[in-house]
């Protein structure tokens, strides 16, 4: 819920400057990956495949944009950590 709110907020504010973004997320308690991607203000997410047995679980995100405030993104994402 916190991540949804954060991503929705930054897309609303910085969407025109966000050229591309995507990620694979590990949500606490979930056995499947969550995948998201977007261009400008268009963002979508979906449930991905199961985490393979023995694979390290974690989240990776990439944001490509023009003049987007890295510090705001990092602080906001850190507040979403469990």
C-alpha atoms as a PDB file:
ATOM      1  CA  UNK A   1       0.000   0.000   0.000  1.00  0.00           C
ATOM      2  CA  UNK A   2       2.796   2.441   0.868  1.00  0.00           C
ATOM      3  CA  UNK A   3       4.631   1.653  -2.359  1.00  0.00           C
ATOM      4  CA  UNK A   4       1.454   2.072  -4.436  1.00  0.00           C
ATOM      5  CA  UNK A   5       0.865   5.470  -2.863  1.00  0.00           C
ATOM      6  CA  UNK A   6       4.462   6.554  -3.365  1.00  0.00           C
ATOM      7  CA  UNK A   7       4.665   5.428  -7.004  1.00  0.00           C
ATOM      8  CA  UNK A   8       1.274   6.960  -7.771  1.00  0.00           C
ATOM      9  CA  UNK A   9       2.395  10.247  -6.241  1.00  0.00           C
ATOM     10  CA  UNK A  10       5.691  10.498  -8.087  1.00  0.00           C
ATOM     11  CA  UNK A  11       4.053   9.530 -11.374  1.00  0.00           C
ATOM     12  CA  UNK A  12       1.479  12.271 -10.857  1.00  0.00           C
ATOM     13  CA  UNK A  13       4.096  14.915 -10.003  1.00  0.00           C
ATOM     14  CA  UNK A  14       7.073  13.868 -12.141  1.00  0.00           C
ATOM     15  CA  UNK A  15       5.377  11.755 -14.837  1.00  0.00           C
ATOM     16  CA  UNK A  16       6.074  14.086 -17.761  1.00  0.00           C
ATOM     17  CA  UNK A  17       9.800  13.896 -16.933  1.00  0.00           C
ATOM     18  CA  UNK A  18       9.836  10.124 -16.306  1.00  0.00           C
ATOM     19  CA  UNK A  19      10.780   8.611 -19.644  1.00  0.00           C
ATOM     20  CA  UNK A  20      10.767   4.974 -18.541  1.00  0.00           C
ATOM     21  CA  UNK A  21      10.651   3.010 -15.303  1.00  0.00           C
ATOM     22  CA  UNK A  22      10.368  -0.634 -14.393  1.00  0.00           C
ATOM     23  CA  UNK A  23      11.036  -3.030 -11.598  1.00  0.00           C
ATOM     24  CA  UNK A  24      10.730  -6.463 -10.059  1.00  0.00           C
ATOM     25  CA  UNK A  25       9.569  -6.373  -6.461  1.00  0.00           C
ATOM     26  CA  UNK A  26       9.626  -8.762  -3.551  1.00  0.00           C
ATOM     27  CA  UNK A  27       6.602  -8.133  -1.374  1.00  0.00           C
ATOM     28  CA  UNK A  28       6.827  -9.494   2.172  1.00  0.00           C
ATOM     29  CA  UNK A  29       4.904 -12.752   2.491  1.00  0.00           C
ATOM     30  CA  UNK A  30       4.337 -13.184  -1.263  1.00  0.00           C
ATOM     31  CA  UNK A  31       5.678 -16.215  -3.126  1.00  0.00           C
ATOM     32  CA  UNK A  32       5.441 -14.464  -6.509  1.00  0.00           C
ATOM     33  CA  UNK A  33       7.277 -11.531  -8.015  1.00  0.00           C
ATOM     34  CA  UNK A  34       5.464  -8.250  -8.616  1.00  0.00           C
ATOM     35  CA  UNK A  35       6.481  -6.572 -11.874  1.00  0.00           C
ATOM     36  CA  UNK A  36       5.789  -2.940 -12.725  1.00  0.00           C
ATOM     37  CA  UNK A  37       6.633  -0.699 -15.654  1.00  0.00           C
ATOM     38  CA  UNK A  38       5.658   2.600 -17.100  1.00  0.00           C
ATOM     39  CA  UNK A  39       6.245   5.498 -19.447  1.00  0.00           C
ATOM     40  CA  UNK A  40       5.455   9.035 -18.281  1.00  0.00           C
ATOM     41  CA  UNK A  41       2.080   8.886 -16.460  1.00  0.00           C
ATOM     42  CA  UNK A  42       1.130   5.432 -17.733  1.00  0.00           C
ATOM     43  CA  UNK A  43       2.041   2.756 -15.194  1.00  0.00           C
ATOM     44  CA  UNK A  44       0.955  -0.854 -14.833  1.00  0.00           C
ATOM     45  CA  UNK A  45       1.823  -3.748 -12.582  1.00  0.00           C
ATOM     46  CA  UNK A  46       1.201  -7.466 -12.634  1.00  0.00           C
ATOM     47  CA  UNK A  47       1.932 -10.593 -10.653  1.00  0.00           C
ATOM     48  CA  UNK A  48       4.934 -12.392 -12.094  1.00  0.00           C
ATOM     49  CA  UNK A  49       6.240 -15.896 -11.716  1.00  0.00           C
ATOM     50  CA  UNK A  50       7.094 -17.665  -8.484  1.00  0.00           C
ATOM     51  CA  UNK A  51      10.461 -17.025  -6.913  1.00  0.00           C
ATOM     52  CA  UNK A  52      12.652 -20.024  -7.800  1.00  0.00           C
ATOM     53  CA  UNK A  53      13.706 -22.186  -4.881  1.00  0.00           C
ATOM     54  CA  UNK A  54      16.989 -20.893  -3.489  1.00  0.00           C
ATOM     55  CA  UNK A  55      16.941 -17.607  -5.432  1.00  0.00           C
ATOM     56  CA  UNK A  56      17.727 -14.561  -3.314  1.00  0.00           C
ATOM     57  CA  UNK A  57      14.630 -12.414  -3.028  1.00  0.00           C
ATOM     58  CA  UNK A  58      14.845  -8.680  -3.386  1.00  0.00           C
ATOM     59  CA  UNK A  59      13.582  -5.687  -5.311  1.00  0.00           C
ATOM     60  CA  UNK A  60      15.201  -3.886  -8.230  1.00  0.00           C
ATOM     61  CA  UNK A  61      13.913  -0.727  -9.865  1.00  0.00           C
ATOM     62  CA  UNK A  62      15.134   1.514 -12.668  1.00  0.00           C
ATOM     63  CA  UNK A  63      13.930   5.069 -13.283  1.00  0.00           C
ATOM     64  CA  UNK A  64      15.034   6.945 -16.402  1.00  0.00           C
ATOM     65  CA  UNK A  65      14.062  10.579 -16.634  1.00  0.00           C
ATOM     66  CA  UNK A  66      15.003  14.210 -17.114  1.00  0.00           C
ATOM     67  CA  UNK A  67      15.721  16.317 -14.040  1.00  0.00           C
ATOM     68  CA  UNK A  68      14.002  13.989 -11.587  1.00  0.00           C
ATOM     69  CA  UNK A  69      15.042  14.514  -7.944  1.00  0.00           C
ATOM     70  CA  UNK A  70      17.025  11.398  -7.016  1.00  0.00           C
ATOM     71  CA  UNK A  71      16.980  12.235  -3.296  1.00  0.00           C
ATOM     72  CA  UNK A  72      13.163  12.397  -3.188  1.00  0.00           C
ATOM     73  CA  UNK A  73      12.894   9.051  -4.958  1.00  0.00           C
ATOM     74  CA  UNK A  74      15.401   7.378  -2.621  1.00  0.00           C
ATOM     75  CA  UNK A  75      13.823   8.785   0.556  1.00  0.00           C
ATOM     76  CA  UNK A  76      10.333   7.832  -0.594  1.00  0.00           C
ATOM     77  CA  UNK A  77      11.355   4.294  -1.508  1.00  0.00           C
ATOM     78  CA  UNK A  78      13.199   3.840   1.790  1.00  0.00           C
ATOM     79  CA  UNK A  79       9.983   4.729   3.631  1.00  0.00           C
ATOM     80  CA  UNK A  80       8.234   1.872   1.808  1.00  0.00           C
ATOM     81  CA  UNK A  81      10.601  -0.782   3.168  1.00  0.00           C
ATOM     82  CA  UNK A  82       9.189  -3.286   5.636  1.00  0.00           C
END
